[in-house]
């Protein structure tokens, strides 16, 4: 399984991957577990490094997805993020596509962790919904 996209935005999860010559897509409104969400948020520092933003001043940025491409030069990643604006909602931001040879320190490990969590999501590991026992 080789992921080509992992996204979490507005409560929806979108996962795209390849297995040999088959392309698969899973789109779901089932909430992911907190580790999945934290792994996406954990990419913010590397996103800021790639786009030359001061991470210490950018608490309003949240990474919402990664797109992965593979070719003869290796693996490249493009990250998508949202930045809350003081006046008009949110602004979408994209990083340039960065080859794994130029990843900021730690990005490779964080992406591998996200791959594992995305695989678990496909296998059914989602957020535990609370059950209102009084309503039953």
C-alpha atoms as a PDB file:
ATOM      1  CA  UNK A   1       0.000   0.000   0.000  1.00  0.00           C
ATOM      2  CA  UNK A   2       1.484   3.320  -1.110  1.00  0.00           C
ATOM      3  CA  UNK A   3      -0.425   6.427  -0.088  1.00  0.00           C
ATOM      4  CA  UNK A   4      -0.831   9.250  -2.599  1.00  0.00           C
ATOM      5  CA  UNK A   5      -2.975  11.535  -0.401  1.00  0.00           C
ATOM      6  CA  UNK A   6      -3.954  11.821   3.255  1.00  0.00           C
ATOM      7  CA  UNK A   7      -6.388  14.622   4.109  1.00  0.00           C
ATOM      8  CA  UNK A   8      -8.508  15.676   7.064  1.00  0.00           C
ATOM      9  CA  UNK A   9     -10.615  18.778   6.598  1.00  0.00           C
ATOM     10  CA  UNK A  10     -13.968  19.914   7.952  1.00  0.00           C
ATOM     11  CA  UNK A  11     -14.416  16.589   9.733  1.00  0.00           C
ATOM     12  CA  UNK A  12     -13.955  14.439   6.616  1.00  0.00           C
ATOM     13  CA  UNK A  13     -11.106  12.023   5.978  1.00  0.00           C
ATOM     14  CA  UNK A  14      -9.895  11.382   2.419  1.00  0.00           C
ATOM     15  CA  UNK A  15      -7.293   8.687   1.804  1.00  0.00           C
ATOM     16  CA  UNK A  16      -5.891   7.694  -1.584  1.00  0.00           C
ATOM     17  CA  UNK A  17      -3.458   4.860  -2.168  1.00  0.00           C
ATOM     18  CA  UNK A  18      -2.092   2.439  -4.748  1.00  0.00           C
ATOM     19  CA  UNK A  19      -1.715  -1.308  -4.528  1.00  0.00           C
ATOM     20  CA  UNK A  20       0.129  -2.594  -7.585  1.00  0.00           C
ATOM     21  CA  UNK A  21      -1.918  -1.231 -10.531  1.00  0.00           C
ATOM     22  CA  UNK A  22      -5.074  -0.474  -8.519  1.00  0.00           C
ATOM     23  CA  UNK A  23      -5.946   2.983  -7.204  1.00  0.00           C
ATOM     24  CA  UNK A  24      -8.175   3.211  -4.116  1.00  0.00           C
ATOM     25  CA  UNK A  25      -9.984   6.121  -2.484  1.00  0.00           C
ATOM     26  CA  UNK A  26     -11.720   6.199   0.869  1.00  0.00           C
ATOM     27  CA  UNK A  27     -13.803   9.253   1.762  1.00  0.00           C
ATOM     28  CA  UNK A  28     -15.502   9.217   5.133  1.00  0.00           C
ATOM     29  CA  UNK A  29     -17.224  11.470   7.628  1.00  0.00           C
ATOM     30  CA  UNK A  30     -16.344   9.004  10.412  1.00  0.00           C
ATOM     31  CA  UNK A  31     -14.078  10.962  12.758  1.00  0.00           C
ATOM     32  CA  UNK A  32     -10.520   9.682  13.057  1.00  0.00           C
ATOM     33  CA  UNK A  33      -9.022   8.872  16.424  1.00  0.00           C
ATOM     34  CA  UNK A  34      -7.164  11.630  18.247  1.00  0.00           C
ATOM     35  CA  UNK A  35      -3.737  10.225  17.273  1.00  0.00           C
ATOM     36  CA  UNK A  36      -4.544  10.744  13.581  1.00  0.00           C
ATOM     37  CA  UNK A  37      -5.592  14.351  14.209  1.00  0.00           C
ATOM     38  CA  UNK A  38      -2.515  15.000  16.367  1.00  0.00           C
ATOM     39  CA  UNK A  39      -0.243  13.554  13.661  1.00  0.00           C
ATOM     40  CA  UNK A  40      -1.682  16.035  11.135  1.00  0.00           C
ATOM     41  CA  UNK A  41      -1.234  18.946  13.557  1.00  0.00           C
ATOM     42  CA  UNK A  42       2.290  17.721  14.298  1.00  0.00           C
ATOM     43  CA  UNK A  43       3.290  18.494  10.676  1.00  0.00           C
ATOM     44  CA  UNK A  44       2.765  22.242  11.209  1.00  0.00           C
ATOM     45  CA  UNK A  45       6.338  23.028  12.238  1.00  0.00           C
ATOM     46  CA  UNK A  46       7.751  21.347   9.119  1.00  0.00           C
ATOM     47  CA  UNK A  47       5.139  23.064   6.932  1.00  0.00           C
ATOM     48  CA  UNK A  48       6.221  26.432   8.339  1.00  0.00           C
ATOM     49  CA  UNK A  49       9.891  25.571   7.702  1.00  0.00           C
ATOM     50  CA  UNK A  50       9.162  24.682   4.077  1.00  0.00           C
ATOM     51  CA  UNK A  51       7.209  27.890   3.374  1.00  0.00           C
ATOM     52  CA  UNK A  52       9.550  30.142   5.395  1.00  0.00           C
ATOM     53  CA  UNK A  53       7.091  31.106   8.139  1.00  0.00           C
ATOM     54  CA  UNK A  54       8.053  31.610  11.777  1.00  0.00           C
ATOM     55  CA  UNK A  55       6.466  28.627  13.525  1.00  0.00           C
ATOM     56  CA  UNK A  56       6.496  30.401  16.900  1.00  0.00           C
ATOM     57  CA  UNK A  57       4.158  33.075  15.478  1.00  0.00           C
ATOM     58  CA  UNK A  58       1.884  30.778  13.469  1.00  0.00           C
ATOM     59  CA  UNK A  59      -0.458  29.117  15.951  1.00  0.00           C
ATOM     60  CA  UNK A  60      -3.316  29.763  13.503  1.00  0.00           C
ATOM     61  CA  UNK A  61      -1.938  27.301  10.886  1.00  0.00           C
ATOM     62  CA  UNK A  62      -3.162  23.716  10.767  1.00  0.00           C
ATOM     63  CA  UNK A  63      -1.994  21.155   8.203  1.00  0.00           C
ATOM     64  CA  UNK A  64      -5.021  19.542   6.565  1.00  0.00           C
ATOM     65  CA  UNK A  65      -3.388  17.172   4.115  1.00  0.00           C
ATOM     66  CA  UNK A  66      -0.413  15.801   2.288  1.00  0.00           C
ATOM     67  CA  UNK A  67      -0.079  14.695  -1.318  1.00  0.00           C
ATOM     68  CA  UNK A  68       2.647  12.187  -2.071  1.00  0.00           C
ATOM     69  CA  UNK A  69       4.279  11.596  -5.465  1.00  0.00           C
ATOM     70  CA  UNK A  70       6.849   8.977  -6.324  1.00  0.00           C
ATOM     71  CA  UNK A  71       9.127   8.964  -9.360  1.00  0.00           C
ATOM     72  CA  UNK A  72      12.714   8.238 -10.410  1.00  0.00           C
ATOM     73  CA  UNK A  73      13.960  11.075  -8.164  1.00  0.00           C
ATOM     74  CA  UNK A  74      12.324   9.558  -5.070  1.00  0.00           C
ATOM     75  CA  UNK A  75       9.344  10.567  -2.972  1.00  0.00           C
ATOM     76  CA  UNK A  76       8.047  14.140  -2.831  1.00  0.00           C
ATOM     77  CA  UNK A  77       5.428  15.642  -0.545  1.00  0.00           C
ATOM     78  CA  UNK A  78       3.208  18.689  -0.957  1.00  0.00           C
ATOM     79  CA  UNK A  79       1.427  19.859   2.200  1.00  0.00           C
ATOM     80  CA  UNK A  80      -1.837  21.756   2.402  1.00  0.00           C
ATOM     81  CA  UNK A  81      -2.742  23.894   5.399  1.00  0.00           C
ATOM     82  CA  UNK A  82      -5.387  26.361   6.573  1.00  0.00           C
ATOM     83  CA  UNK A  83      -4.604  29.587   8.366  1.00  0.00           C
ATOM     84  CA  UNK A  84      -7.267  31.309  10.412  1.00  0.00           C
ATOM     85  CA  UNK A  85      -7.573  34.979   9.542  1.00  0.00           C
ATOM     86  CA  UNK A  86      -8.556  37.677  11.987  1.00  0.00           C
ATOM     87  CA  UNK A  87     -11.198  39.103   9.685  1.00  0.00           C
ATOM     88  CA  UNK A  88     -12.444  36.742   6.975  1.00  0.00           C
ATOM     89  CA  UNK A  89     -12.434  33.066   7.915  1.00  0.00           C
ATOM     90  CA  UNK A  90      -9.552  30.968   6.642  1.00  0.00           C
ATOM     91  CA  UNK A  91      -6.912  31.010   3.936  1.00  0.00           C
ATOM     92  CA  UNK A  92      -5.653  27.892   2.156  1.00  0.00           C
ATOM     93  CA  UNK A  93      -1.882  27.450   1.836  1.00  0.00           C
ATOM     94  CA  UNK A  94       0.147  24.940  -0.171  1.00  0.00           C
ATOM     95  CA  UNK A  95       3.796  24.160   0.266  1.00  0.00           C
ATOM     96  CA  UNK A  96       5.947  23.532  -2.753  1.00  0.00           C
ATOM     97  CA  UNK A  97       6.508  19.869  -3.528  1.00  0.00           C
ATOM     98  CA  UNK A  98       9.589  18.842  -1.519  1.00  0.00           C
ATOM     99  CA  UNK A  99      11.741  15.836  -2.393  1.00  0.00           C
ATOM    100  CA  UNK A 100      12.602  13.537   0.503  1.00  0.00           C
ATOM    101  CA  UNK A 101      16.285  14.490   0.117  1.00  0.00           C
ATOM    102  CA  UNK A 102      15.301  18.035   1.154  1.00  0.00           C
ATOM    103  CA  UNK A 103      12.818  17.244   3.939  1.00  0.00           C
ATOM    104  CA  UNK A 104      13.195  19.325   7.085  1.00  0.00           C
ATOM    105  CA  UNK A 105      14.573  17.262   9.995  1.00  0.00           C
ATOM    106  CA  UNK A 106      11.929  14.944  11.443  1.00  0.00           C
ATOM    107  CA  UNK A 107       9.461  15.163   8.549  1.00  0.00           C
ATOM    108  CA  UNK A 108      10.170  11.665   7.233  1.00  0.00           C
ATOM    109  CA  UNK A 109       9.383  10.066  10.619  1.00  0.00           C
ATOM    110  CA  UNK A 110       6.209  12.117  11.021  1.00  0.00           C
ATOM    111  CA  UNK A 111       4.980  11.093   7.568  1.00  0.00           C
ATOM    112  CA  UNK A 112       5.689   7.423   8.320  1.00  0.00           C
ATOM    113  CA  UNK A 113       3.646   7.762  11.521  1.00  0.00           C
ATOM    114  CA  UNK A 114       0.797   9.327   9.539  1.00  0.00           C
ATOM    115  CA  UNK A 115       0.953   6.426   7.027  1.00  0.00           C
ATOM    116  CA  UNK A 116       0.521   3.940   9.887  1.00  0.00           C
ATOM    117  CA  UNK A 117      -2.418   5.859  11.329  1.00  0.00           C
ATOM    118  CA  UNK A 118      -4.060   6.173   7.900  1.00  0.00           C
ATOM    119  CA  UNK A 119      -3.701   2.396   7.411  1.00  0.00           C
ATOM    120  CA  UNK A 120      -5.342   1.852  10.802  1.00  0.00           C
ATOM    121  CA  UNK A 121      -8.177   4.175   9.753  1.00  0.00           C
ATOM    122  CA  UNK A 122      -8.733   2.066   6.636  1.00  0.00           C
ATOM    123  CA  UNK A 123      -8.785  -1.014   8.860  1.00  0.00           C
ATOM    124  CA  UNK A 124     -11.539   0.548  10.991  1.00  0.00           C
ATOM    125  CA  UNK A 125      -9.653   2.326  13.798  1.00  0.00           C
ATOM    126  CA  UNK A 126     -11.784   5.445  14.217  1.00  0.00           C
ATOM    127  CA  UNK A 127     -12.710   7.784  17.054  1.00  0.00           C
ATOM    128  CA  UNK A 128     -14.832   6.166  19.689  1.00  0.00           C
ATOM    129  CA  UNK A 129     -18.276   7.676  19.565  1.00  0.00           C
ATOM    130  CA  UNK A 130     -20.032   8.217  22.866  1.00  0.00           C
ATOM    131  CA  UNK A 131     -23.265   6.354  23.370  1.00  0.00           C
ATOM    132  CA  UNK A 132     -26.094   8.023  25.215  1.00  0.00           C
ATOM    133  CA  UNK A 133     -27.322   5.121  27.322  1.00  0.00           C
ATOM    134  CA  UNK A 134     -30.320   7.100  28.554  1.00  0.00           C
ATOM    135  CA  UNK A 135     -31.610   7.474  24.990  1.00  0.00           C
ATOM    136  CA  UNK A 136     -31.467   3.711  24.342  1.00  0.00           C
END
